PDB file of N, CA and C in Angstrom:
ATOM      1  N   MET A   1      -2.092  10.261  28.897  1.00  0.00           N
ATOM      2  CA  MET A   1      -1.070  10.278  27.852  1.00  0.00           C
ATOM      3  C   MET A   1       0.079   9.378  28.298  1.00  0.00           C
ATOM      4  N   ASP A   2       0.469   8.492  27.426  1.00  0.00           N
ATOM      5  CA  ASP A   2       1.583   7.593  27.694  1.00  0.00           C
ATOM      6  C   ASP A   2       2.856   8.201  27.135  1.00  0.00           C
ATOM      7  N   THR A   3       3.958   8.014  27.829  1.00  0.00           N
ATOM      8  CA  THR A   3       5.251   8.527  27.360  1.00  0.00           C
ATOM      9  C   THR A   3       6.300   7.422  27.429  1.00  0.00           C
ATOM     10  N   ALA A   4       7.382   7.642  26.722  1.00  0.00           N
ATOM     11  CA  ALA A   4       8.505   6.703  26.730  1.00  0.00           C
ATOM     12  C   ALA A   4       9.765   7.486  26.403  1.00  0.00           C
ATOM     13  N   TYR A   5      10.909   6.935  26.741  1.00  0.00           N
ATOM     14  CA  TYR A   5      12.196   7.548  26.425  1.00  0.00           C
ATOM     15  C   TYR A   5      12.884   6.759  25.336  1.00  0.00           C
ATOM     16  N   MET A   6      13.644   7.456  24.529  1.00  0.00           N
ATOM     17  CA  MET A   6      14.433   6.808  23.497  1.00  0.00           C
ATOM     18  C   MET A   6      15.790   6.439  24.083  1.00  0.00           C
ATOM     19  N   THR A   7      16.277   5.235  23.753  1.00  0.00           N
ATOM     20  CA  THR A   7      17.594   4.807  24.212  1.00  0.00           C
ATOM     21  C   THR A   7      18.671   5.394  23.307  1.00  0.00           C
ATOM     22  N   SER A   8      19.914   5.229  23.689  1.00  0.00           N
ATOM     23  CA  SER A   8      21.021   5.727  22.863  1.00  0.00           C
ATOM     24  C   SER A   8      21.092   4.985  21.532  1.00  0.00           C
ATOM     25  N   ASN A   9      20.465   3.816  21.446  1.00  0.00           N
ATOM     26  CA  ASN A   9      20.419   3.046  20.196  1.00  0.00           C
ATOM     27  C   ASN A   9      19.237   3.436  19.325  1.00  0.00           C
ATOM     28  N   GLY A  10      18.427   4.410  19.767  1.00  0.00           N
ATOM     29  CA  GLY A  10      17.275   4.844  18.990  1.00  0.00           C
ATOM     30  C   GLY A  10      16.034   3.995  19.203  1.00  0.00           C
ATOM     31  N   ARG A  11      16.019   3.209  20.258  1.00  0.00           N
ATOM     32  CA  ARG A  11      14.868   2.344  20.529  1.00  0.00           C
ATOM     33  C   ARG A  11      13.904   3.028  21.496  1.00  0.00           C
ATOM     34  N   VAL A  12      12.621   2.759  21.261  1.00  0.00           N
ATOM     35  CA  VAL A  12      11.569   3.285  22.122  1.00  0.00           C
ATOM     36  C   VAL A  12      10.685   2.117  22.537  1.00  0.00           C
ATOM     37  N   ALA A  13      10.392   2.020  23.826  1.00  0.00           N
ATOM     38  CA  ALA A  13       9.493   0.968  24.306  1.00  0.00           C
ATOM     39  C   ALA A  13       8.068   1.503  24.257  1.00  0.00           C
ATOM     40  N   VAL A  14       7.212   0.791  23.532  1.00  0.00           N
ATOM     41  CA  VAL A  14       5.806   1.185  23.447  1.00  0.00           C
ATOM     42  C   VAL A  14       5.123   0.732  24.742  1.00  0.00           C
ATOM     43  N   PRO A  15       4.415   1.632  25.408  1.00  0.00           N
ATOM     44  CA  PRO A  15       3.754   1.256  26.659  1.00  0.00           C
ATOM     45  C   PRO A  15       2.824   0.055  26.474  1.00  0.00           C
ATOM     46  N   ILE A  16       2.780  -0.808  27.469  1.00  0.00           N
ATOM     47  CA  ILE A  16       2.027  -2.064  27.372  1.00  0.00           C
ATOM     48  C   ILE A  16       0.549  -1.827  27.095  1.00  0.00           C
ATOM     49  N   ARG A  17      -0.026  -0.769  27.639  1.00  0.00           N
ATOM     50  CA  ARG A  17      -1.436  -0.475  27.398  1.00  0.00           C
ATOM     51  C   ARG A  17      -1.693  -0.308  25.904  1.00  0.00           C
ATOM     52  N   LEU A  18      -0.809   0.398  25.216  1.00  0.00           N
ATOM     53  CA  LEU A  18      -0.961   0.630  23.780  1.00  0.00           C
ATOM     54  C   LEU A  18      -0.653  -0.634  22.972  1.00  0.00           C
ATOM     55  N   ARG A  19       0.343  -1.397  23.422  1.00  0.00           N
ATOM     56  CA  ARG A  19       0.656  -2.654  22.723  1.00  0.00           C
ATOM     57  C   ARG A  19      -0.546  -3.589  22.737  1.00  0.00           C
ATOM     58  N   ARG A  20      -1.174  -3.689  23.899  1.00  0.00           N
ATOM     59  CA  ARG A  20      -2.348  -4.568  24.020  1.00  0.00           C
ATOM     60  C   ARG A  20      -3.514  -4.040  23.191  1.00  0.00           C
ATOM     61  N   LYS A  21      -3.767  -2.745  23.285  1.00  0.00           N
ATOM     62  CA  LYS A  21      -4.905  -2.142  22.591  1.00  0.00           C
ATOM     63  C   LYS A  21      -4.803  -2.297  21.081  1.00  0.00           C
ATOM     64  N   TYR A  22      -3.586  -2.144  20.526  1.00  0.00           N
ATOM     65  CA  TYR A  22      -3.398  -2.161  19.074  1.00  0.00           C
ATOM     66  C   TYR A  22      -2.785  -3.447  18.545  1.00  0.00           C
ATOM     67  N   GLY A  23      -2.670  -4.465  19.393  1.00  0.00           N
ATOM     68  CA  GLY A  23      -2.182  -5.768  18.936  1.00  0.00           C
ATOM     69  C   GLY A  23      -0.733  -5.765  18.496  1.00  0.00           C
ATOM     70  N   ILE A  24       0.079  -4.939  19.141  1.00  0.00           N
ATOM     71  CA  ILE A  24       1.502  -4.870  18.791  1.00  0.00           C
ATOM     72  C   ILE A  24       2.231  -5.948  19.583  1.00  0.00           C
ATOM     73  N   THR A  25       2.667  -6.960  18.869  1.00  0.00           N
ATOM     74  CA  THR A  25       3.378  -8.080  19.486  1.00  0.00           C
ATOM     75  C   THR A  25       4.781  -8.143  18.893  1.00  0.00           C
ATOM     76  N   PRO A  26       5.690  -8.923  19.523  1.00  0.00           N
ATOM     77  CA  PRO A  26       7.039  -9.030  18.962  1.00  0.00           C
ATOM     78  C   PRO A  26       6.993  -9.462  17.501  1.00  0.00           C
ATOM     79  N   GLY A  27       7.743  -8.782  16.663  1.00  0.00           N
ATOM     80  CA  GLY A  27       7.810  -9.098  15.248  1.00  0.00           C
ATOM     81  C   GLY A  27       6.857  -8.293  14.376  1.00  0.00           C
ATOM     82  N   VAL A  28       5.939  -7.528  14.993  1.00  0.00           N
ATOM     83  CA  VAL A  28       5.014  -6.704  14.208  1.00  0.00           C
ATOM     84  C   VAL A  28       5.807  -5.562  13.585  1.00  0.00           C
ATOM     85  N   LYS A  29       5.634  -5.364  12.296  1.00  0.00           N
ATOM     86  CA  LYS A  29       6.317  -4.286  11.582  1.00  0.00           C
ATOM     87  C   LYS A  29       5.647  -2.956  11.906  1.00  0.00           C
ATOM     88  N   ILE A  30       6.445  -1.918  12.051  1.00  0.00           N
ATOM     89  CA  ILE A  30       5.955  -0.584  12.372  1.00  0.00           C
ATOM     90  C   ILE A  30       6.376   0.355  11.247  1.00  0.00           C
ATOM     91  N   CYS A  31       5.470   1.215  10.809  1.00  0.00           N
ATOM     92  CA  CYS A  31       5.883   2.236   9.842  1.00  0.00           C
ATOM     93  C   CYS A  31       5.755   3.604  10.502  1.00  0.00           C
ATOM     94  N   PHE A  32       6.615   4.506  10.100  1.00  0.00           N
ATOM     95  CA  PHE A  32       6.628   5.866  10.621  1.00  0.00           C
ATOM     96  C   PHE A  32       6.267   6.795   9.471  1.00  0.00           C
ATOM     97  N   ILE A  33       5.272   7.627   9.691  1.00  0.00           N
ATOM     98  CA  ILE A  33       4.773   8.516   8.657  1.00  0.00           C
ATOM     99  C   ILE A  33       4.967   9.954   9.110  1.00  0.00           C
ATOM    100  N   GLU A  34       5.673  10.754   8.303  1.00  0.00           N
ATOM    101  CA  GLU A  34       5.836  12.179   8.607  1.00  0.00           C
ATOM    102  C   GLU A  34       4.632  12.931   8.063  1.00  0.00           C
ATOM    103  N   SER A  35       4.019  13.762   8.893  1.00  0.00           N
ATOM    104  CA  SER A  35       2.852  14.507   8.474  1.00  0.00           C
ATOM    105  C   SER A  35       2.765  15.820   9.244  1.00  0.00           C
ATOM    106  N   ASP A  36       2.869  16.924   8.531  1.00  0.00           N
ATOM    107  CA  ASP A  36       2.730  18.249   9.136  1.00  0.00           C
ATOM    108  C   ASP A  36       3.590  18.431  10.385  1.00  0.00           C
ATOM    109  N   GLY A  37       4.843  18.067  10.290  1.00  0.00           N
ATOM    110  CA  GLY A  37       5.774  18.266  11.398  1.00  0.00           C
ATOM    111  C   GLY A  37       5.617  17.257  12.526  1.00  0.00           C
ATOM    112  N   GLU A  38       4.834  16.216  12.312  1.00  0.00           N
ATOM    113  CA  GLU A  38       4.646  15.176  13.316  1.00  0.00           C
ATOM    114  C   GLU A  38       5.101  13.841  12.752  1.00  0.00           C
ATOM    115  N   ILE A  39       5.362  12.911  13.638  1.00  0.00           N
ATOM    116  CA  ILE A  39       5.705  11.549  13.232  1.00  0.00           C
ATOM    117  C   ILE A  39       4.580  10.642  13.712  1.00  0.00           C
ATOM    118  N   LEU A  40       3.927   9.980  12.777  1.00  0.00           N
ATOM    119  CA  LEU A  40       2.868   9.038  13.125  1.00  0.00           C
ATOM    120  C   LEU A  40       3.462   7.636  13.160  1.00  0.00           C
ATOM    121  N   PHE A  41       3.079   6.877  14.123  1.00  0.00           N
ATOM    122  CA  PHE A  41       3.577   5.540  14.381  1.00  0.00           C
ATOM    123  C   PHE A  41       2.442   4.582  14.045  1.00  0.00           C
ATOM    124  N   ARG A  42       2.607   3.717  13.046  1.00  0.00           N
ATOM    125  CA  ARG A  42       1.510   2.848  12.607  1.00  0.00           C
ATOM    126  C   ARG A  42       1.969   1.395  12.609  1.00  0.00           C
ATOM    127  N   PRO A  43       1.408   0.561  13.495  1.00  0.00           N
ATOM    128  CA  PRO A  43       1.750  -0.861  13.450  1.00  0.00           C
ATOM    129  C   PRO A  43       1.053  -1.514  12.249  1.00  0.00           C
ATOM    130  N   ILE A  44       1.784  -2.351  11.531  1.00  0.00           N
ATOM    131  CA  ILE A  44       1.221  -3.048  10.378  1.00  0.00           C
ATOM    132  C   ILE A  44       0.740  -4.419  10.868  1.00  0.00           C
ATOM    133  N   THR A  45      -0.468  -4.434  11.408  1.00  0.00           N
ATOM    134  CA  THR A  45      -1.061  -5.655  11.947  1.00  0.00           C
ATOM    135  C   THR A  45      -2.086  -6.190  10.945  1.00  0.00           C
ATOM    136  N   PRO A  46      -2.534  -7.438  11.111  1.00  0.00           N
ATOM    137  CA  PRO A  46      -3.582  -7.961  10.221  1.00  0.00           C
ATOM    138  C   PRO A  46      -4.836  -7.073  10.238  1.00  0.00           C
ATOM    139  N   HIS A  47      -5.182  -6.530  11.391  1.00  0.00           N
ATOM    140  CA  HIS A  47      -6.349  -5.640  11.490  1.00  0.00           C
ATOM    141  C   HIS A  47      -6.143  -4.403  10.611  1.00  0.00           C
ATOM    142  N   TYR A  48      -4.955  -3.808  10.655  1.00  0.00           N
ATOM    143  CA  TYR A  48      -4.665  -2.620   9.837  1.00  0.00           C
ATOM    144  C   TYR A  48      -4.736  -2.970   8.349  1.00  0.00           C
ATOM    145  N   ILE A  49      -4.176  -4.094   7.968  1.00  0.00           N
ATOM    146  CA  ILE A  49      -4.167  -4.491   6.559  1.00  0.00           C
ATOM    147  C   ILE A  49      -5.599  -4.681   6.062  1.00  0.00           C
ATOM    148  N   ARG A  50      -6.454  -5.339   6.869  1.00  0.00           N
ATOM    149  CA  ARG A  50      -7.861  -5.496   6.481  1.00  0.00           C
ATOM    150  C   ARG A  50      -8.551  -4.143   6.352  1.00  0.00           C
ATOM    151  N   SER A  51      -8.185  -3.196   7.212  1.00  0.00           N
ATOM    152  CA  SER A  51      -8.854  -1.889   7.191  1.00  0.00           C
ATOM    153  C   SER A  51      -8.515  -1.074   5.945  1.00  0.00           C
ATOM    154  N   VAL A  52      -7.355  -1.314   5.337  1.00  0.00           N
ATOM    155  CA  VAL A  52      -6.980  -0.540   4.153  1.00  0.00           C
ATOM    156  C   VAL A  52      -7.216  -1.283   2.839  1.00  0.00           C
ATOM    157  N   CYS A  53      -7.654  -2.538   2.916  1.00  0.00           N
ATOM    158  CA  CYS A  53      -7.943  -3.286   1.694  1.00  0.00           C
ATOM    159  C   CYS A  53      -9.043  -2.582   0.916  1.00  0.00           C
ATOM    160  N   GLY A  54      -8.795  -2.337  -0.347  1.00  0.00           N
ATOM    161  CA  GLY A  54      -9.793  -1.717  -1.207  1.00  0.00           C
ATOM    162  C   GLY A  54      -9.812  -0.207  -1.169  1.00  0.00           C
ATOM    163  N   VAL A  55      -8.952   0.417  -0.378  1.00  0.00           N
ATOM    164  CA  VAL A  55      -8.938   1.873  -0.285  1.00  0.00           C
ATOM    165  C   VAL A  55      -8.652   2.515  -1.633  1.00  0.00           C
ATOM    166  N   LEU A  56      -7.765   1.928  -2.397  1.00  0.00           N
ATOM    167  CA  LEU A  56      -7.384   2.499  -3.683  1.00  0.00           C
ATOM    168  C   LEU A  56      -8.194   1.912  -4.838  1.00  0.00           C
ATOM    169  N   LYS A  57      -9.228   1.172  -4.504  1.00  0.00           N
ATOM    170  CA  LYS A  57     -10.030   0.509  -5.531  1.00  0.00           C
ATOM    171  C   LYS A  57     -10.710   1.541  -6.422  1.00  0.00           C
ATOM    172  N   GLY A  58     -10.553   1.350  -7.705  1.00  0.00           N
ATOM    173  CA  GLY A  58     -11.179   2.248  -8.674  1.00  0.00           C
ATOM    174  C   GLY A  58     -12.498   1.677  -9.166  1.00  0.00           C
ATOM    175  N   ARG A  59     -13.060   2.344 -10.154  1.00  0.00           N
ATOM    176  CA  ARG A  59     -14.327   1.874 -10.718  1.00  0.00           C
ATOM    177  C   ARG A  59     -14.131   0.626 -11.551  1.00  0.00           C
ATOM    178  N   THR A  60     -12.971   0.530 -12.219  1.00  0.00           N
ATOM    179  CA  THR A  60     -12.696  -0.646 -13.043  1.00  0.00           C
ATOM    180  C   THR A  60     -11.491  -1.374 -12.476  1.00  0.00           C
ATOM    181  N   SER A  61     -11.441  -2.664 -12.740  1.00  0.00           N
ATOM    182  CA  SER A  61     -10.314  -3.439 -12.248  1.00  0.00           C
ATOM    183  C   SER A  61      -9.092  -3.158 -13.121  1.00  0.00           C
ATOM    184  N   SER A  62      -7.938  -3.205 -12.513  1.00  0.00           N
ATOM    185  CA  SER A  62      -6.690  -2.977 -13.250  1.00  0.00           C
ATOM    186  C   SER A  62      -6.513  -4.032 -14.328  1.00  0.00           C
ATOM    187  N   THR A  63      -6.917  -5.250 -14.020  1.00  0.00           N
ATOM    188  CA  THR A  63      -6.800  -6.333 -14.995  1.00  0.00           C
ATOM    189  C   THR A  63      -7.674  -6.057 -16.209  1.00  0.00           C
ATOM    190  N   GLN A  64      -8.915  -5.635 -15.980  1.00  0.00           N
ATOM    191  CA  GLN A  64      -9.817  -5.332 -17.089  1.00  0.00           C
ATOM    192  C   GLN A  64      -9.269  -4.185 -17.937  1.00  0.00           C
ATOM    193  N   GLU A  65      -8.728  -3.169 -17.283  1.00  0.00           N
ATOM    194  CA  GLU A  65      -8.157  -2.034 -18.016  1.00  0.00           C
ATOM    195  C   GLU A  65      -6.966  -2.490 -18.857  1.00  0.00           C
ATOM    196  N   LEU A  66      -6.116  -3.340 -18.299  1.00  0.00           N
ATOM    197  CA  LEU A  66      -4.967  -3.864 -19.038  1.00  0.00           C
ATOM    198  C   LEU A  66      -5.429  -4.689 -20.246  1.00  0.00           C
ATOM    199  N   LEU A  67      -6.453  -5.526 -20.067  1.00  0.00           N
ATOM    200  CA  LEU A  67      -6.963  -6.330 -21.180  1.00  0.00           C
ATOM    201  C   LEU A  67      -7.530  -5.437 -22.284  1.00  0.00           C
ATOM    202  N   ARG A  68      -8.227  -4.369 -21.908  1.00  0.00           N
ATOM    203  CA  ARG A  68      -8.754  -3.437 -22.919  1.00  0.00           C
ATOM    204  C   ARG A  68      -7.613  -2.775 -23.691  1.00  0.00           C
ATOM    205  N   GLU A  69      -6.587  -2.345 -22.978  1.00  0.00           N
ATOM    206  CA  GLU A  69      -5.441  -1.699 -23.625  1.00  0.00           C
ATOM    207  C   GLU A  69      -4.748  -2.677 -24.569  1.00  0.00           C
ATOM    208  N   ARG A  70      -4.575  -3.916 -24.150  1.00  0.00           N
ATOM    209  CA  ARG A  70      -3.957  -4.927 -25.015  1.00  0.00           C
ATOM    210  C   ARG A  70      -4.795  -5.157 -26.267  1.00  0.00           C
ATOM    211  N   ALA A  71      -6.113  -5.185 -26.123  1.00  0.00           N
ATOM    212  CA  ALA A  71      -6.998  -5.376 -27.284  1.00  0.00           C
ATOM    213  C   ALA A  71      -6.855  -4.204 -28.252  1.00  0.00           C
ATOM    214  N   ARG A  72      -6.769  -2.985 -27.743  1.00  0.00           N
ATOM    215  CA  ARG A  72      -6.576  -1.809 -28.613  1.00  0.00           C
ATOM    216  C   ARG A  72      -5.250  -1.903 -29.354  1.00  0.00           C
ATOM    217  N   GLU A  73      -4.194  -2.302 -28.638  1.00  0.00           N
ATOM    218  CA  GLU A  73      -2.878  -2.462 -29.275  1.00  0.00           C
ATOM    219  C   GLU A  73      -2.942  -3.506 -30.379  1.00  0.00           C
ATOM    220  N   LYS A  74      -3.618  -4.619 -30.112  1.00  0.00           N
ATOM    221  CA  LYS A  74      -3.718  -5.694 -31.094  1.00  0.00           C
ATOM    222  C   LYS A  74      -4.438  -5.197 -32.355  1.00  0.00           C
ATOM    223  N   ARG A  75      -5.535  -4.440 -32.185  1.00  0.00           N
ATOM    224  CA  ARG A  75      -6.262  -3.907 -33.340  1.00  0.00           C
ATOM    225  C   ARG A  75      -5.385  -2.954 -34.140  1.00  0.00           C
ATOM    226  N   ARG A  76      -4.600  -2.111 -33.448  1.00  0.00           N
ATOM    227  CA  ARG A  76      -3.699  -1.182 -34.159  1.00  0.00           C
ATOM    228  C   ARG A  76      -2.645  -1.948 -34.944  1.00  0.00           C
ATOM    229  N   GLU A  77      -2.071  -2.975 -34.339  1.00  0.00           N
ATOM    230  CA  GLU A  77      -1.047  -3.766 -35.016  1.00  0.00           C
ATOM    231  C   GLU A  77      -1.628  -4.497 -36.228  1.00  0.00           C
ATOM    232  N   GLU A  78      -2.830  -5.057 -36.063  1.00  0.00           N
ATOM    233  CA  GLU A  78      -3.461  -5.751 -37.182  1.00  0.00           C
ATOM    234  C   GLU A  78      -3.778  -4.784 -38.324  1.00  0.00           C
ATOM    235  N   ALA A  79      -4.201  -3.567 -37.981  1.00  0.00           N
ATOM    236  CA  ALA A  79      -4.486  -2.553 -39.010  1.00  0.00           C
ATOM    237  C   ALA A  79      -3.203  -2.192 -39.750  1.00  0.00           C
ATOM    238  N   LYS A  80      -2.094  -2.067 -39.038  1.00  0.00           N
ATOM    239  CA  LYS A  80      -0.808  -1.765 -39.678  1.00  0.00           C
ATOM    240  C   LYS A  80      -0.409  -2.885 -40.632  1.00  0.00           C
ATOM    241  N   LEU A  81      -0.595  -4.142 -40.185  1.00  0.00           N
ATOM    242  CA  LEU A  81      -0.233  -5.285 -41.031  1.00  0.00           C
ATOM    243  C   LEU A  81      -1.083  -5.338 -42.297  1.00  0.00           C
ATOM    244  N   ARG A  82      -2.397  -5.081 -42.151  1.00  0.00           N
ATOM    245  CA  ARG A  82      -3.281  -5.080 -43.330  1.00  0.00           C
ATOM    246  C   ARG A  82      -2.860  -3.983 -44.297  1.00  0.00           C
ATOM    247  N   LYS A  83      -2.540  -2.813 -43.753  1.00  0.00           N
ATOM    248  CA  LYS A  83      -2.130  -1.687 -44.591  1.00  0.00           C
ATOM    249  C   LYS A  83      -0.823  -2.016 -45.316  1.00  0.00           C
ATOM    250  N   PHE A  84       0.122  -2.644 -44.603  1.00  0.00           N
ATOM    251  CA  PHE A  84       1.410  -3.005 -45.178  1.00  0.00           C
ATOM    252  C   PHE A  84       1.228  -4.091 -46.241  1.00  0.00           C
ATOM    253  N   ALA A  85       0.345  -5.063 -45.972  1.00  0.00           N
ATOM    254  CA  ALA A  85       0.121  -6.171 -46.920  1.00  0.00           C
ATOM    255  C   ALA A  85      -0.594  -5.687 -48.177  1.00  0.00           C
ATOM    256  N   GLY A  86      -1.344  -4.606 -48.094  1.00  0.00           N
ATOM    257  CA  GLY A  86      -2.087  -4.086 -49.237  1.00  0.00           C
ATOM    258  C   GLY A  86      -1.212  -3.287 -50.192  1.00  0.00           C
ATOM    259  N   ARG A  87       0.001  -3.032 -49.898  1.00  0.00           N
ATOM    260  CA  ARG A  87       0.884  -2.237 -50.765  1.00  0.00           C
ATOM    261  C   ARG A  87       1.320  -3.003 -51.955  1.00  0.00           C
TER     262      ARG A  87
END
């Protein structure tokens, strides 16, 4: 188990073994996640980003769903115009 101390400025030095293992280099963004009374430390590295790509992917693409909704709106508007023009 690796340990570190927090400075008076709130800084913590990540042990070199962990920095090397997880690709944490200067400038890498870190996110902190609260979960069940714990704080999870997650480096936002290219490897992490690739690992979460597509996690929220649904059965249909958002673009396709938006195009379908727009088509429905267009049909409703055209029906309203036809109804109004027929008066």
